[in-house]
């Protein structure tokens, strides 16, 4: 299928404003829950329209040769991070979302997001859905017509990408150590060297599932110019000027969250018993790894490259 044909695919639609309504990004209820697929005990799933054989055959398809090289690279890197989230156990089943900005040849912008129904370990470069900031599906990829996208994912990622043009990638998860810290009044403590590499950290108060377009303004205002934002009682968002940077910000932050929980356990739950380095030392460490050329390359680039090589030894189908 050509780019033009995909752009005019049936999934292309605009947002219907208002908080109390079905998601505008999901196929119709009949398409989602009715299926003419014959029963096969080897491939059957509760929604037989999304059974193993159907989805597996879709995921064998590739559009990588049909898109510009820059977009192809972005799709491959983003698909790799989905697989890495899955292997690390950072994602919560099929929910959560990771995005990357695409600058079209005419200068317009859109972003890639996961099809809402694929497990992170299934995601491929060609299964990513391209949507613009107004909610138009520009390219459903190979599975978007079947699954659609997560409404909350659109609300969060479109708001941040639109407000922060310097950002390329935005990543969100509910990993328990990070969500635990987001539920604590003290929030994030810069305890260890790993903690100092992540951040700085912003906070956004809980308002329920983020599907209300009215929350986009406060979401972006609270994020400010920070690279990490804790969503109180919800989860965490990592943001970066590249996919590598956003992924490594998330990696370091989640490690730091685990360190904080371990330290609080050792301290009997009392932060007064913790040794917290000075803000000056934290800033010195942060600057060294982010701006000081510590690794000899842009932040996270060596690390993501290494992990992609590791992924290739396990399953390189994310590149399709």
Protein backbone atom coordinates (compact mmCIF):
# COMPACT_ATOMS: atom_id res chain seq x y z
CA UNK A 1 0.00 0.00 0.00
CA UNK A 2 1.39 3.42 -0.91
CA UNK A 3 1.74 6.37 1.47
CA UNK A 4 -1.11 8.15 -0.32
CA UNK A 5 -3.39 5.14 0.00
CA UNK A 6 -2.57 4.72 3.67
CA UNK A 7 -3.20 8.42 4.31
CA UNK A 8 -6.73 8.05 2.96
CA UNK A 9 -7.35 4.81 4.85
CA UNK A 10 -10.62 4.37 6.68
CA UNK A 11 -9.02 5.09 10.04
CA UNK A 12 -8.29 8.70 9.07
CA UNK A 13 -10.49 10.88 11.26
CA UNK A 14 -10.54 13.99 13.38
CA UNK A 15 -11.01 14.38 17.11
CA UNK A 16 -14.54 14.77 18.39
CA UNK A 17 -14.22 17.28 21.22
CA UNK A 18 -15.55 16.54 24.68
CA UNK A 19 -14.56 14.21 27.50
CA UNK A 20 -17.64 11.98 27.65
CA UNK A 21 -17.67 10.09 24.38
CA UNK A 22 -16.18 6.98 22.79
CA UNK A 23 -12.57 7.31 21.74
CA UNK A 24 -12.31 8.82 18.26
CA UNK A 25 -9.22 6.74 17.65
CA UNK A 26 -10.71 3.25 17.89
CA UNK A 27 -12.39 1.31 15.08
CA UNK A 28 -16.15 0.97 15.37
CA UNK A 29 -17.51 -1.38 18.01
CA UNK A 30 -18.68 -3.78 15.32
CA UNK A 31 -15.22 -3.86 13.79
CA UNK A 32 -13.63 -4.46 17.16
CA UNK A 33 -15.95 -7.09 18.56
CA UNK A 34 -17.54 -8.80 15.58
CA UNK A 35 -15.51 -11.16 13.46
CA UNK A 36 -16.11 -13.37 10.49
CA UNK A 37 -12.86 -15.18 11.19
CA UNK A 38 -13.52 -18.94 11.31
CA UNK A 39 -12.89 -20.67 14.61
CA UNK A 40 -9.44 -22.22 14.85
CA UNK A 41 -8.52 -23.70 18.23
CA UNK A 42 -4.83 -23.04 17.52
CA UNK A 43 -5.20 -19.29 16.95
CA UNK A 44 -8.49 -18.32 18.67
CA UNK A 45 -8.55 -15.32 21.04
CA UNK A 46 -11.57 -13.77 22.87
CA UNK A 47 -11.73 -11.12 20.15
CA UNK A 48 -11.31 -13.38 17.16
CA UNK A 49 -10.85 -10.42 14.81
CA UNK A 50 -7.54 -9.96 16.62
CA UNK A 51 -6.56 -13.61 16.81
CA UNK A 52 -3.02 -14.89 16.62
CA UNK A 53 -3.07 -15.70 12.91
CA UNK A 54 -4.63 -12.38 11.85
CA UNK A 55 -2.24 -10.22 13.86
CA UNK A 56 0.81 -12.32 13.10
CA UNK A 57 0.16 -12.02 9.36
CA UNK A 58 -0.28 -8.24 9.63
CA UNK A 59 2.98 -7.92 11.55
CA UNK A 60 4.87 -9.73 8.81
CA UNK A 61 4.16 -6.79 6.50
CA UNK A 62 6.54 -3.85 6.23
CA UNK A 63 6.19 -0.27 5.01
CA UNK A 64 9.79 0.70 5.82
CA UNK A 65 10.81 0.80 2.17
CA UNK A 66 7.83 3.06 1.38
CA UNK A 67 8.62 5.90 3.81
CA UNK A 68 11.46 8.47 3.76
CA UNK A 69 14.74 7.20 5.21
CA UNK A 70 14.59 9.59 8.17
CA UNK A 71 11.13 8.32 9.10
CA UNK A 72 12.28 4.72 8.65
CA UNK A 73 15.13 5.29 11.10
CA UNK A 74 12.75 6.90 13.59
CA UNK A 75 10.31 3.99 13.30
CA UNK A 76 13.06 1.43 13.89
CA UNK A 77 14.49 3.23 16.92
CA UNK A 78 11.04 3.75 18.42
CA UNK A 79 10.03 0.12 17.87
CA UNK A 80 13.27 -0.91 19.59
CA UNK A 81 12.37 1.10 22.69
CA UNK A 82 8.96 -0.57 22.86
CA UNK A 83 10.64 -3.97 22.81
CA UNK A 84 13.15 -2.84 25.46
CA UNK A 85 10.34 -1.57 27.72
CA UNK A 86 8.69 -4.97 27.38
CA UNK A 87 11.84 -6.92 28.19
CA UNK A 88 12.53 -4.71 31.21
CA UNK A 89 8.93 -4.98 32.45
CA UNK A 90 8.43 -1.21 32.44
CA UNK A 91 5.10 -1.21 30.57
CA UNK A 92 1.67 -2.05 31.92
CA UNK A 93 0.23 -4.68 29.55
CA UNK A 94 -0.97 -3.03 26.28
CA UNK A 95 -1.36 0.42 27.80
CA UNK A 96 1.23 3.22 28.24
CA UNK A 97 2.74 4.85 25.20
CA UNK A 98 5.97 6.06 23.62
CA UNK A 99 6.07 8.60 20.81
CA UNK A 100 8.50 10.15 18.36
CA UNK A 101 8.06 13.26 16.24
CA UNK A 102 8.07 13.11 12.46
CA UNK A 103 8.79 16.23 10.40
CA UNK A 104 7.17 15.75 7.01
CA UNK A 105 8.79 16.83 3.75
CA UNK A 106 6.43 19.84 3.60
CA UNK A 107 7.54 20.92 7.10
CA UNK A 108 4.36 19.81 8.88
CA UNK A 109 4.69 17.69 12.01
CA UNK A 110 3.11 14.49 13.25
CA UNK A 111 4.17 11.75 15.65
CA UNK A 112 4.31 7.98 15.88
CA UNK A 113 2.41 6.05 18.55
CA UNK A 114 1.69 2.40 19.25
CA UNK A 115 -1.43 0.68 17.93
CA UNK A 116 -3.71 0.17 20.95
CA UNK A 117 -3.99 -3.59 21.25
CA UNK A 118 -0.48 -4.81 20.51
CA UNK A 119 1.70 -6.02 23.33
CA UNK A 120 4.96 -4.07 23.41
CA UNK A 121 6.83 -7.24 22.50
CA UNK A 122 4.84 -7.47 19.25
CA UNK A 123 5.43 -3.91 18.04
CA UNK A 124 7.31 -3.41 14.80
CA UNK A 125 8.51 -0.30 12.99
CA UNK A 126 5.68 -0.70 10.47
CA UNK A 127 2.96 -1.19 13.09
CA UNK A 128 3.44 2.30 14.53
CA UNK A 129 0.60 4.71 13.78
CA UNK A 130 1.33 8.24 12.55
CA UNK A 131 -1.03 10.95 13.83
CA UNK A 132 -0.88 14.74 13.63
CA UNK A 133 -1.51 17.22 16.44
CA UNK A 134 -5.13 17.72 15.38
CA UNK A 135 -5.90 14.02 15.66
CA UNK A 136 -5.76 13.09 11.99
CA UNK A 137 -4.39 9.60 11.44
CA UNK A 138 -1.86 10.18 8.67
CA UNK A 139 -0.70 6.58 8.38
CA UNK A 140 -2.24 3.64 10.29
CA UNK A 141 0.75 1.41 9.61
CA UNK A 142 0.07 -2.29 9.19
CA UNK A 143 -2.18 -2.71 12.26
CA UNK A 144 -3.76 0.69 12.97
CA UNK A 145 -6.91 -0.07 10.99
CA UNK A 146 -7.54 -3.01 13.32
CA UNK A 147 -6.54 -1.49 16.66
CA UNK A 148 -6.66 2.30 16.54
CA UNK A 149 -4.67 4.25 19.15
CA UNK A 150 -4.99 5.05 22.85
CA UNK A 151 -6.95 8.28 23.43
CA UNK A 152 -4.95 9.15 26.56
CA UNK A 153 -1.78 8.57 24.59
CA UNK A 154 -2.89 11.11 22.01
CA UNK A 155 -3.85 13.70 24.64
CA UNK A 156 -0.52 13.48 26.50
CA UNK A 157 1.86 13.20 23.57
CA UNK A 158 0.22 15.71 21.23
CA UNK A 159 0.20 18.31 24.01
CA UNK A 160 3.87 17.89 24.87
CA UNK A 161 5.13 17.66 21.29
CA UNK A 162 3.17 20.76 20.32
CA UNK A 163 4.32 22.78 23.34
CA UNK A 164 7.95 21.62 23.25
CA UNK A 165 9.21 21.76 19.63
CA UNK A 166 12.75 20.88 20.70
CA UNK A 167 11.60 17.43 21.83
CA UNK A 168 11.71 14.42 19.53
CA UNK A 169 10.48 11.69 21.86
CA UNK A 170 8.10 11.38 24.83
CA UNK A 171 7.84 8.17 26.88
CA UNK A 172 5.27 7.28 29.53
CA UNK A 173 4.97 4.32 31.88
CA UNK A 174 3.48 3.18 35.20
CA UNK A 175 6.50 1.20 36.45
CA UNK A 176 5.73 0.54 40.15
CA UNK A 177 8.90 2.10 41.66
CA UNK A 178 8.27 5.36 39.79
CA UNK A 179 4.53 5.34 40.47
CA UNK A 180 5.24 4.61 44.13
CA UNK A 181 7.44 7.71 44.36
CA UNK A 182 4.75 9.70 42.52
CA UNK A 183 2.36 8.74 45.33
CA UNK A 184 4.71 9.90 48.10
CA UNK A 185 4.63 13.47 49.40
CA UNK A 186 8.43 13.71 49.35
CA UNK A 187 8.53 12.78 45.69
CA UNK A 188 11.85 12.19 43.99
CA UNK A 189 15.03 12.39 46.07
CA UNK A 190 18.39 12.88 44.33
CA UNK A 191 20.13 10.26 46.43
CA UNK A 192 22.75 8.61 44.24
CA UNK A 193 24.91 9.17 41.18
CA UNK A 194 22.27 7.48 39.03
CA UNK A 195 19.64 9.83 40.48
CA UNK A 196 21.71 12.87 39.50
CA UNK A 197 21.92 11.78 35.87
CA UNK A 198 18.14 11.74 35.46
CA UNK A 199 15.97 14.79 35.49
CA UNK A 200 15.42 17.53 36.47
CA UNK A 201 11.96 16.50 37.66
CA UNK A 202 8.60 18.27 37.36
CA UNK A 203 5.26 17.25 38.94
CA UNK A 204 1.68 17.14 37.66
CA UNK A 205 -1.28 16.51 39.97
CA UNK A 206 -3.66 13.62 39.35
CA UNK A 207 -6.93 14.35 37.52
CA UNK A 208 -7.95 10.85 36.49
CA UNK A 209 -7.19 9.19 33.15
CA UNK A 210 -5.77 11.87 30.87
CA UNK A 211 -8.46 11.99 28.19
CA UNK A 212 -9.76 15.51 28.87
CA UNK A 213 -8.31 17.96 26.34
CA UNK A 214 -8.70 20.65 28.99
CA UNK A 215 -5.86 19.06 30.95
CA UNK A 216 -3.33 19.57 28.17
CA UNK A 217 -2.61 23.17 29.21
CA UNK A 218 -1.75 22.34 32.84
CA UNK A 219 0.16 19.26 31.72
CA UNK A 220 2.53 21.26 29.54
CA UNK A 221 2.76 24.15 31.99
CA UNK A 222 3.77 21.77 34.78
CA UNK A 223 6.35 20.07 32.56
CA UNK A 224 8.03 23.40 31.83
CA UNK A 225 11.46 22.71 30.37
CA UNK A 226 12.08 19.57 32.44
CA UNK A 227 13.02 16.20 30.97
CA UNK A 228 11.20 14.09 33.60
CA UNK A 229 7.70 14.65 34.95
CA UNK A 230 6.12 12.61 37.71
CA UNK A 231 2.38 12.30 37.30
CA UNK A 232 1.11 12.17 40.87
CA UNK A 233 -0.69 8.89 41.69
CA UNK A 234 -0.21 7.83 38.07
CA UNK A 235 3.28 7.32 36.60
CA UNK A 236 6.16 9.10 34.90
CA UNK A 237 6.97 10.82 31.61
CA UNK A 238 10.48 11.08 30.14
CA UNK A 239 11.20 13.56 27.35
CA UNK A 240 14.21 13.92 25.07
CA UNK A 241 15.70 15.71 22.07
CA UNK A 242 16.19 12.26 20.54
CA UNK A 243 14.72 8.81 21.06
CA UNK A 244 18.02 7.76 22.61
CA UNK A 245 17.92 10.62 25.09
CA UNK A 246 14.32 10.04 26.16
CA UNK A 247 14.88 6.29 26.53
CA UNK A 248 18.04 6.74 28.59
CA UNK A 249 16.37 9.41 30.73
CA UNK A 250 13.67 6.86 31.50
CA UNK A 251 16.24 4.13 32.11
CA UNK A 252 18.19 6.26 34.59
CA UNK A 253 15.09 7.58 36.31
CA UNK A 254 13.57 4.14 36.86
CA UNK A 255 16.88 2.85 38.21
CA UNK A 256 17.00 5.87 40.51
CA UNK A 257 13.44 5.14 41.66
CA UNK A 258 14.47 1.60 42.59
CA UNK A 259 17.48 2.99 44.48
CA UNK A 260 15.25 5.41 46.38
CA UNK A 261 12.83 2.70 47.44
CA UNK A 262 15.73 0.45 48.51
CA UNK A 263 17.32 3.33 50.45
CA UNK A 264 14.05 4.20 52.17
CA UNK A 265 13.66 0.56 53.16
CA UNK A 266 17.16 0.56 54.64
CA UNK A 267 16.32 3.79 56.47
CA UNK A 268 13.19 2.31 57.98
CA UNK A 269 10.98 4.57 55.90
CA UNK A 270 12.43 7.74 57.44
CA UNK A 271 14.11 10.05 54.95
CA UNK A 272 15.94 11.78 57.80
CA UNK A 273 18.21 8.73 57.93
CA UNK A 274 19.25 9.12 54.30
CA UNK A 275 22.49 10.72 53.11
CA UNK A 276 21.47 13.18 50.40
CA UNK A 277 24.30 14.79 48.41
CA UNK A 278 24.26 18.54 47.89
CA UNK A 279 22.41 20.14 45.01
CA UNK A 280 25.77 21.36 43.71
CA UNK A 281 27.12 17.80 43.44
CA UNK A 282 23.92 16.63 41.79
CA UNK A 283 24.19 19.42 39.20
CA UNK A 284 27.88 18.67 38.61
CA UNK A 285 27.09 15.04 37.82
CA UNK A 286 24.11 15.92 35.64
CA UNK A 287 26.15 18.39 33.61
CA UNK A 288 29.00 15.91 33.12
CA UNK A 289 26.81 13.28 31.48
CA UNK A 290 24.41 15.57 29.60
CA UNK A 291 26.54 18.46 28.40
CA UNK A 292 30.10 17.64 29.36
CA UNK A 293 30.80 14.98 26.76
CA UNK A 294 31.25 12.21 29.33
CA UNK A 295 30.41 9.40 26.86
CA UNK A 296 31.87 11.07 23.80
CA UNK A 297 28.46 11.10 22.08
CA UNK A 298 24.98 12.51 22.59
CA UNK A 299 23.29 11.34 25.78
CA UNK A 300 21.91 7.83 25.43
CA UNK A 301 23.17 7.21 21.89
CA UNK A 302 25.84 4.66 22.79
CA UNK A 303 23.51 2.99 25.27
CA UNK A 304 20.55 2.59 22.91
CA UNK A 305 22.86 1.40 20.12
CA UNK A 306 24.22 -1.29 22.45
CA UNK A 307 20.75 -2.38 23.48
CA UNK A 308 19.56 -2.52 19.87
CA UNK A 309 22.46 -4.84 19.04
CA UNK A 310 21.40 -6.97 22.00
CA UNK A 311 17.80 -6.97 20.75
CA UNK A 312 19.02 -8.20 17.38
CA UNK A 313 20.45 -11.32 19.05
CA UNK A 314 17.04 -12.05 20.60
CA UNK A 315 14.49 -11.04 17.96
CA UNK A 316 15.12 -8.49 15.22
CA UNK A 317 11.51 -8.48 13.98
CA UNK A 318 11.03 -5.01 15.49
CA UNK A 319 12.87 -3.70 12.40
CA UNK A 320 10.09 -4.81 10.01
